[in-house]
Amino acid sequence: MNATLVLGQQGRLVIPAEIRAALGLAPGDRLHLHLVGHRVVLERQQDAAAELRGLASEVPESRSLVDELLAERRLAASVGE
């Protein structure tokens, strides 16, 4: 599905009704916007969160990324002393 949008004077875009319906968007829904190169990507927040959860699902539960980050920070701090 494709659409051409026109940027309004105040920087607003209107998402066409057929695209809102296809995505299940309703007034008041929050969208996540990010840049990929020179492209603007809009996605529902729950889809962005689900994608992040999917990435994290590859990390074994026995591994603590927080502990690893803290250890890296402590090492970096001790080297800088």
PDB file of N, CA and C in Angstrom:
ATOM      1  N   MET A   1       0.851  -1.162   0.000  1.00  0.00           N
ATOM      2  CA  MET A   1       0.000   0.000   0.000  1.00  0.00           C
ATOM      3  C   MET A   1       0.902   1.231   0.000  1.00  0.00           C
ATOM      4  N   ASN A   2       0.627   2.178  -0.865  1.00  0.00           N
ATOM      5  CA  ASN A   2       1.411   3.396  -0.990  1.00  0.00           C
ATOM      6  C   ASN A   2       0.518   4.615  -0.862  1.00  0.00           C
ATOM      7  N   ALA A   3       1.088   5.720  -0.451  1.00  0.00           N
ATOM      8  CA  ALA A   3       0.356   6.976  -0.371  1.00  0.00           C
ATOM      9  C   ALA A   3       1.351   8.120  -0.507  1.00  0.00           C
ATOM     10  N   THR A   4       0.877   9.228  -1.013  1.00  0.00           N
ATOM     11  CA  THR A   4       1.673  10.442  -1.077  1.00  0.00           C
ATOM     12  C   THR A   4       1.086  11.414  -0.067  1.00  0.00           C
ATOM     13  N   LEU A   5       1.938  11.933   0.802  1.00  0.00           N
ATOM     14  CA  LEU A   5       1.495  12.861   1.834  1.00  0.00           C
ATOM     15  C   LEU A   5       2.029  14.248   1.520  1.00  0.00           C
ATOM     16  N   VAL A   6       1.289  15.250   1.962  1.00  0.00           N
ATOM     17  CA  VAL A   6       1.712  16.638   1.785  1.00  0.00           C
ATOM     18  C   VAL A   6       1.987  17.213   3.164  1.00  0.00           C
ATOM     19  N   LEU A   7       3.170  17.792   3.323  1.00  0.00           N
ATOM     20  CA  LEU A   7       3.553  18.397   4.584  1.00  0.00           C
ATOM     21  C   LEU A   7       2.846  19.743   4.718  1.00  0.00           C
ATOM     22  N   GLY A   8       2.078  19.892   5.798  1.00  0.00           N
ATOM     23  CA  GLY A   8       1.351  21.134   6.037  1.00  0.00           C
ATOM     24  C   GLY A   8       2.273  22.244   6.501  1.00  0.00           C
ATOM     25  N   GLN A   9       1.741  23.461   6.559  1.00  0.00           N
ATOM     26  CA  GLN A   9       2.547  24.625   6.925  1.00  0.00           C
ATOM     27  C   GLN A   9       3.130  24.500   8.327  1.00  0.00           C
ATOM     28  N   GLN A  10       2.460  23.809   9.217  1.00  0.00           N
ATOM     29  CA  GLN A  10       2.969  23.651  10.583  1.00  0.00           C
ATOM     30  C   GLN A  10       3.727  22.330  10.752  1.00  0.00           C
ATOM     31  N   GLY A  11       4.113  21.702   9.641  1.00  0.00           N
ATOM     32  CA  GLY A  11       4.894  20.475   9.698  1.00  0.00           C
ATOM     33  C   GLY A  11       4.070  19.228   9.960  1.00  0.00           C
ATOM     34  N   ARG A  12       2.760  19.312   9.794  1.00  0.00           N
ATOM     35  CA  ARG A  12       1.881  18.173  10.076  1.00  0.00           C
ATOM     36  C   ARG A  12       1.645  17.341   8.829  1.00  0.00           C
ATOM     37  N   LEU A  13       1.543  16.030   9.066  1.00  0.00           N
ATOM     38  CA  LEU A  13       1.185  15.077   8.017  1.00  0.00           C
ATOM     39  C   LEU A  13      -0.129  14.421   8.393  1.00  0.00           C
ATOM     40  N   VAL A  14      -0.931  14.125   7.390  1.00  0.00           N
ATOM     41  CA  VAL A  14      -2.165  13.381   7.617  1.00  0.00           C
ATOM     42  C   VAL A  14      -1.981  11.996   7.002  1.00  0.00           C
ATOM     43  N   ILE A  15      -2.160  10.974   7.823  1.00  0.00           N
ATOM     44  CA  ILE A  15      -2.056   9.596   7.339  1.00  0.00           C
ATOM     45  C   ILE A  15      -3.410   9.244   6.732  1.00  0.00           C
ATOM     46  N   PRO A  16      -3.438   8.825   5.466  1.00  0.00           N
ATOM     47  CA  PRO A  16      -4.713   8.522   4.814  1.00  0.00           C
ATOM     48  C   PRO A  16      -5.512   7.448   5.570  1.00  0.00           C
ATOM     49  N   ALA A  17      -6.833   7.566   5.499  1.00  0.00           N
ATOM     50  CA  ALA A  17      -7.741   6.684   6.233  1.00  0.00           C
ATOM     51  C   ALA A  17      -7.486   5.210   5.935  1.00  0.00           C
ATOM     52  N   GLU A  18      -7.232   4.867   4.677  1.00  0.00           N
ATOM     53  CA  GLU A  18      -7.040   3.444   4.344  1.00  0.00           C
ATOM     54  C   GLU A  18      -5.779   2.876   4.985  1.00  0.00           C
ATOM     55  N   ILE A  19      -4.762   3.707   5.145  1.00  0.00           N
ATOM     56  CA  ILE A  19      -3.532   3.238   5.806  1.00  0.00           C
ATOM     57  C   ILE A  19      -3.760   3.144   7.308  1.00  0.00           C
ATOM     58  N   ARG A  20      -4.461   4.119   7.889  1.00  0.00           N
ATOM     59  CA  ARG A  20      -4.790   4.044   9.318  1.00  0.00           C
ATOM     60  C   ARG A  20      -5.601   2.789   9.606  1.00  0.00           C
ATOM     61  N   ALA A  21      -6.548   2.488   8.741  1.00  0.00           N
ATOM     62  CA  ALA A  21      -7.382   1.294   8.938  1.00  0.00           C
ATOM     63  C   ALA A  21      -6.550   0.020   8.822  1.00  0.00           C
ATOM     64  N   ALA A  22      -5.652  -0.032   7.847  1.00  0.00           N
ATOM     65  CA  ALA A  22      -4.823  -1.228   7.644  1.00  0.00           C
ATOM     66  C   ALA A  22      -3.915  -1.482   8.842  1.00  0.00           C
ATOM     67  N   LEU A  23      -3.477  -0.406   9.500  1.00  0.00           N
ATOM     68  CA  LEU A  23      -2.592  -0.533  10.661  1.00  0.00           C
ATOM     69  C   LEU A  23      -3.343  -0.581  11.980  1.00  0.00           C
ATOM     70  N   GLY A  24      -4.649  -0.380  11.916  1.00  0.00           N
ATOM     71  CA  GLY A  24      -5.438  -0.386  13.144  1.00  0.00           C
ATOM     72  C   GLY A  24      -5.177   0.837  14.004  1.00  0.00           C
ATOM     73  N   LEU A  25      -4.895   1.971  13.375  1.00  0.00           N
ATOM     74  CA  LEU A  25      -4.601   3.203  14.107  1.00  0.00           C
ATOM     75  C   LEU A  25      -5.888   3.950  14.432  1.00  0.00           C
ATOM     76  N   ALA A  26      -5.903   4.570  15.595  1.00  0.00           N
ATOM     77  CA  ALA A  26      -7.056   5.354  16.027  1.00  0.00           C
ATOM     78  C   ALA A  26      -6.555   6.691  16.561  1.00  0.00           C
ATOM     79  N   PRO A  27      -7.430   7.703  16.579  1.00  0.00           N
ATOM     80  CA  PRO A  27      -7.012   8.993  17.134  1.00  0.00           C
ATOM     81  C   PRO A  27      -6.445   8.824  18.548  1.00  0.00           C
ATOM     82  N   GLY A  28      -5.340   9.505  18.809  1.00  0.00           N
ATOM     83  CA  GLY A  28      -4.697   9.421  20.113  1.00  0.00           C
ATOM     84  C   GLY A  28      -3.610   8.360  20.193  1.00  0.00           C
ATOM     85  N   ASP A  29      -3.543   7.451  19.209  1.00  0.00           N
ATOM     86  CA  ASP A  29      -2.476   6.444  19.209  1.00  0.00           C
ATOM     87  C   ASP A  29      -1.124   7.134  19.088  1.00  0.00           C
ATOM     88  N   ARG A  30      -0.129   6.571  19.750  1.00  0.00           N
ATOM     89  CA  ARG A  30       1.224   7.122  19.684  1.00  0.00           C
ATOM     90  C   ARG A  30       2.036   6.307  18.684  1.00  0.00           C
ATOM     91  N   LEU A  31       2.809   7.021  17.885  1.00  0.00           N
ATOM     92  CA  LEU A  31       3.666   6.387  16.895  1.00  0.00           C
ATOM     93  C   LEU A  31       5.115   6.721  17.215  1.00  0.00           C
ATOM     94  N   HIS A  32       5.991   5.790  16.909  1.00  0.00           N
ATOM     95  CA  HIS A  32       7.431   5.985  17.085  1.00  0.00           C
ATOM     96  C   HIS A  32       7.992   6.386  15.723  1.00  0.00           C
ATOM     97  N   LEU A  33       8.757   7.476  15.665  1.00  0.00           N
ATOM     98  CA  LEU A  33       9.372   7.948  14.430  1.00  0.00           C
ATOM     99  C   LEU A  33      10.883   7.827  14.572  1.00  0.00           C
ATOM    100  N   HIS A  34      11.516   7.256  13.570  1.00  0.00           N
ATOM    101  CA  HIS A  34      12.981   7.248  13.561  1.00  0.00           C
ATOM    102  C   HIS A  34      13.484   7.368  12.133  1.00  0.00           C
ATOM    103  N   LEU A  35      14.717   7.812  12.026  1.00  0.00           N
ATOM    104  CA  LEU A  35      15.338   7.990  10.722  1.00  0.00           C
ATOM    105  C   LEU A  35      16.206   6.789  10.396  1.00  0.00           C
ATOM    106  N   VAL A  36      16.109   6.352   9.154  1.00  0.00           N
ATOM    107  CA  VAL A  36      16.974   5.301   8.622  1.00  0.00           C
ATOM    108  C   VAL A  36      17.595   5.900   7.374  1.00  0.00           C
ATOM    109  N   GLY A  37      18.821   6.379   7.522  1.00  0.00           N
ATOM    110  CA  GLY A  37      19.422   7.127   6.414  1.00  0.00           C
ATOM    111  C   GLY A  37      18.618   8.404   6.203  1.00  0.00           C
ATOM    112  N   HIS A  38      18.113   8.574   4.991  1.00  0.00           N
ATOM    113  CA  HIS A  38      17.278   9.734   4.677  1.00  0.00           C
ATOM    114  C   HIS A  38      15.803   9.357   4.640  1.00  0.00           C
ATOM    115  N   ARG A  39      15.444   8.257   5.256  1.00  0.00           N
ATOM    116  CA  ARG A  39      14.053   7.806   5.292  1.00  0.00           C
ATOM    117  C   ARG A  39      13.466   8.029   6.675  1.00  0.00           C
ATOM    118  N   VAL A  40      12.191   8.358   6.692  1.00  0.00           N
ATOM    119  CA  VAL A  40      11.460   8.506   7.944  1.00  0.00           C
ATOM    120  C   VAL A  40      10.612   7.253   8.110  1.00  0.00           C
ATOM    121  N   VAL A  41      10.732   6.607   9.255  1.00  0.00           N
ATOM    122  CA  VAL A  41       9.963   5.403   9.534  1.00  0.00           C
ATOM    123  C   VAL A  41       9.038   5.687  10.711  1.00  0.00           C
ATOM    124  N   LEU A  42       7.755   5.444  10.512  1.00  0.00           N
ATOM    125  CA  LEU A  42       6.756   5.572  11.572  1.00  0.00           C
ATOM    126  C   LEU A  42       6.256   4.186  11.896  1.00  0.00           C
ATOM    127  N   GLU A  43       6.175   3.855  13.175  1.00  0.00           N
ATOM    128  CA  GLU A  43       5.610   2.569  13.557  1.00  0.00           C
ATOM    129  C   GLU A  43       4.875   2.706  14.878  1.00  0.00           C
ATOM    130  N   ARG A  44       3.911   1.840  15.062  1.00  0.00           N
ATOM    131  CA  ARG A  44       3.172   1.851  16.315  1.00  0.00           C
ATOM    132  C   ARG A  44       4.148   1.508  17.434  1.00  0.00           C
ATOM    133  N   GLN A  45       3.968   2.144  18.582  1.00  0.00           N
ATOM    134  CA  GLN A  45       4.889   1.906  19.697  1.00  0.00           C
ATOM    135  C   GLN A  45       4.905   0.438  20.085  1.00  0.00           C
ATOM    136  N   GLN A  46       3.742  -0.224  20.084  1.00  0.00           N
ATOM    137  CA  GLN A  46       3.723  -1.628  20.480  1.00  0.00           C
ATOM    138  C   GLN A  46       4.497  -2.494  19.493  1.00  0.00           C
ATOM    139  N   ASP A  47       4.537  -2.109  18.212  1.00  0.00           N
ATOM    140  CA  ASP A  47       5.318  -2.870  17.240  1.00  0.00           C
ATOM    141  C   ASP A  47       6.812  -2.666  17.473  1.00  0.00           C
ATOM    142  N   ALA A  48       7.203  -1.426  17.793  1.00  0.00           N
ATOM    143  CA  ALA A  48       8.622  -1.144  18.087  1.00  0.00           C
ATOM    144  C   ALA A  48       9.053  -1.910  19.332  1.00  0.00           C
ATOM    145  N   ALA A  49       8.189  -1.920  20.359  1.00  0.00           N
ATOM    146  CA  ALA A  49       8.516  -2.638  21.598  1.00  0.00           C
ATOM    147  C   ALA A  49       8.611  -4.142  21.344  1.00  0.00           C
ATOM    148  N   ALA A  50       7.708  -4.668  20.534  1.00  0.00           N
ATOM    149  CA  ALA A  50       7.732  -6.102  20.224  1.00  0.00           C
ATOM    150  C   ALA A  50       9.013  -6.475  19.475  1.00  0.00           C
ATOM    151  N   GLU A  51       9.448  -5.591  18.594  1.00  0.00           N
ATOM    152  CA  GLU A  51      10.694  -5.847  17.861  1.00  0.00           C
ATOM    153  C   GLU A  51      11.884  -5.888  18.818  1.00  0.00           C
ATOM    154  N   LEU A  52      11.917  -4.964  19.772  1.00  0.00           N
ATOM    155  CA  LEU A  52      13.006  -4.958  20.756  1.00  0.00           C
ATOM    156  C   LEU A  52      12.962  -6.202  21.631  1.00  0.00           C
ATOM    157  N   ARG A  53      11.753  -6.598  22.028  1.00  0.00           N
ATOM    158  CA  ARG A  53      11.638  -7.832  22.828  1.00  0.00           C
ATOM    159  C   ARG A  53      12.147  -9.032  22.040  1.00  0.00           C
ATOM    160  N   GLY A  54      11.873  -9.044  20.747  1.00  0.00           N
ATOM    161  CA  GLY A  54      12.355 -10.131  19.897  1.00  0.00           C
ATOM    162  C   GLY A  54      13.865 -10.187  19.852  1.00  0.00           C
ATOM    163  N   LEU A  55      14.504  -9.022  19.782  1.00  0.00           N
ATOM    164  CA  LEU A  55      15.967  -8.985  19.795  1.00  0.00           C
ATOM    165  C   LEU A  55      16.509  -9.492  21.124  1.00  0.00           C
ATOM    166  N   ALA A  56      15.866  -9.101  22.207  1.00  0.00           N
ATOM    167  CA  ALA A  56      16.317  -9.518  23.535  1.00  0.00           C
ATOM    168  C   ALA A  56      16.056 -10.998  23.781  1.00  0.00           C
ATOM    169  N   SER A  57      15.126 -11.590  23.061  1.00  0.00           N
ATOM    170  CA  SER A  57      14.807 -13.001  23.296  1.00  0.00           C
ATOM    171  C   SER A  57      15.963 -13.914  22.915  1.00  0.00           C
ATOM    172  N   GLU A  58      16.900 -13.409  22.131  1.00  0.00           N
ATOM    173  CA  GLU A  58      18.058 -14.205  21.724  1.00  0.00           C
ATOM    174  C   GLU A  58      19.121 -14.281  22.822  1.00  0.00           C
ATOM    175  N   VAL A  59      18.974 -13.452  23.849  1.00  0.00           N
ATOM    176  CA  VAL A  59      19.945 -13.432  24.947  1.00  0.00           C
ATOM    177  C   VAL A  59      19.503 -14.457  25.995  1.00  0.00           C
ATOM    178  N   PRO A  60      20.361 -15.400  26.338  1.00  0.00           N
ATOM    179  CA  PRO A  60      19.982 -16.403  27.342  1.00  0.00           C
ATOM    180  C   PRO A  60      19.634 -15.747  28.676  1.00  0.00           C
ATOM    181  N   GLU A  61      18.647 -16.273  29.361  1.00  0.00           N
ATOM    182  CA  GLU A  61      18.229 -15.695  30.641  1.00  0.00           C
ATOM    183  C   GLU A  61      19.325 -15.773  31.695  1.00  0.00           C
ATOM    184  N   SER A  62      20.264 -16.688  31.533  1.00  0.00           N
ATOM    185  CA  SER A  62      21.358 -16.815  32.500  1.00  0.00           C
ATOM    186  C   SER A  62      22.389 -15.693  32.337  1.00  0.00           C
ATOM    187  N   ARG A  63      22.316 -14.941  31.248  1.00  0.00           N
ATOM    188  CA  ARG A  63      23.270 -13.864  30.984  1.00  0.00           C
ATOM    189  C   ARG A  63      22.681 -12.544  31.470  1.00  0.00           C
ATOM    190  N   SER A  64      23.440 -11.776  32.217  1.00  0.00           N
ATOM    191  CA  SER A  64      22.991 -10.479  32.716  1.00  0.00           C
ATOM    192  C   SER A  64      23.712  -9.372  31.951  1.00  0.00           C
ATOM    193  N   LEU A  65      22.992  -8.731  31.048  1.00  0.00           N
ATOM    194  CA  LEU A  65      23.588  -7.638  30.294  1.00  0.00           C
ATOM    195  C   LEU A  65      23.893  -6.447  31.199  1.00  0.00           C
ATOM    196  N   VAL A  66      23.097  -6.268  32.237  1.00  0.00           N
ATOM    197  CA  VAL A  66      23.343  -5.187  33.199  1.00  0.00           C
ATOM    198  C   VAL A  66      24.669  -5.423  33.906  1.00  0.00           C
ATOM    199  N   ASP A  67      24.889  -6.656  34.382  1.00  0.00           N
ATOM    200  CA  ASP A  67      26.156  -6.966  35.053  1.00  0.00           C
ATOM    201  C   ASP A  67      27.339  -6.768  34.109  1.00  0.00           C
ATOM    202  N   GLU A  68      27.181  -7.174  32.854  1.00  0.00           N
ATOM    203  CA  GLU A  68      28.259  -6.994  31.878  1.00  0.00           C
ATOM    204  C   GLU A  68      28.558  -5.515  31.649  1.00  0.00           C
ATOM    205  N   LEU A  69      27.520  -4.696  31.544  1.00  0.00           N
ATOM    206  CA  LEU A  69      27.706  -3.265  31.347  1.00  0.00           C
ATOM    207  C   LEU A  69      28.395  -2.634  32.552  1.00  0.00           C
ATOM    208  N   LEU A  70      27.958  -3.002  33.743  1.00  0.00           N
ATOM    209  CA  LEU A  70      28.588  -2.471  34.956  1.00  0.00           C
ATOM    210  C   LEU A  70      30.061  -2.854  35.024  1.00  0.00           C
ATOM    211  N   ALA A  71      30.375  -4.094  34.692  1.00  0.00           N
ATOM    212  CA  ALA A  71      31.770  -4.546  34.711  1.00  0.00           C
ATOM    213  C   ALA A  71      32.604  -3.746  33.708  1.00  0.00           C
ATOM    214  N   GLU A  72      32.037  -3.493  32.511  1.00  0.00           N
ATOM    215  CA  GLU A  72      32.748  -2.692  31.505  1.00  0.00           C
ATOM    216  C   GLU A  72      32.993  -1.277  32.009  1.00  0.00           C
ATOM    217  N   ARG A  73      31.981  -0.685  32.623  1.00  0.00           N
ATOM    218  CA  ARG A  73      32.105   0.698  33.140  1.00  0.00           C
ATOM    219  C   ARG A  73      33.135   0.775  34.265  1.00  0.00           C
ATOM    220  N   ARG A  74      33.124  -0.229  35.140  1.00  0.00           N
ATOM    221  CA  ARG A  74      34.098  -0.240  36.241  1.00  0.00           C
ATOM    222  C   ARG A  74      35.520  -0.381  35.703  1.00  0.00           C
ATOM    223  N   LEU A  75      35.680  -1.239  34.715  1.00  0.00           N
ATOM    224  CA  LEU A  75      37.003  -1.423  34.107  1.00  0.00           C
ATOM    225  C   LEU A  75      37.460  -0.128  33.450  1.00  0.00           C
ATOM    226  N   ALA A  76      36.591   0.517  32.720  1.00  0.00           N
ATOM    227  CA  ALA A  76      36.942   1.773  32.057  1.00  0.00           C
ATOM    228  C   ALA A  76      37.284   2.839  33.083  1.00  0.00           C
ATOM    229  N   ALA A  77      36.558   2.887  34.187  1.00  0.00           N
ATOM    230  CA  ALA A  77      36.829   3.875  35.239  1.00  0.00           C
ATOM    231  C   ALA A  77      38.164   3.618  35.899  1.00  0.00           C
ATOM    232  N   SER A  78      38.509   2.346  36.111  1.00  0.00           N
ATOM    233  CA  SER A  78      39.772   2.018  36.775  1.00  0.00           C
ATOM    234  C   SER A  78      40.956   2.291  35.871  1.00  0.00           C
ATOM    235  N   VAL A  79      40.787   2.154  34.568  1.00  0.00           N
ATOM    236  CA  VAL A  79      41.871   2.425  33.616  1.00  0.00           C
ATOM    237  C   VAL A  79      42.133   3.926  33.537  1.00  0.00           C
ATOM    238  N   GLY A  80      41.061   4.712  33.690  1.00  0.00           N
ATOM    239  CA  GLY A  80      41.205   6.174  33.589  1.00  0.00           C
ATOM    240  C   GLY A  80      41.768   6.820  34.839  1.00  0.00           C
ATOM    241  N   GLU A  81      41.933   6.092  35.923  1.00  0.00           N
ATOM    242  CA  GLU A  81      42.431   6.671  37.186  1.00  0.00           C
ATOM    243  C   GLU A  81      43.921   6.897  37.154  1.00  0.00           C
TER     244      GLU A  81
END
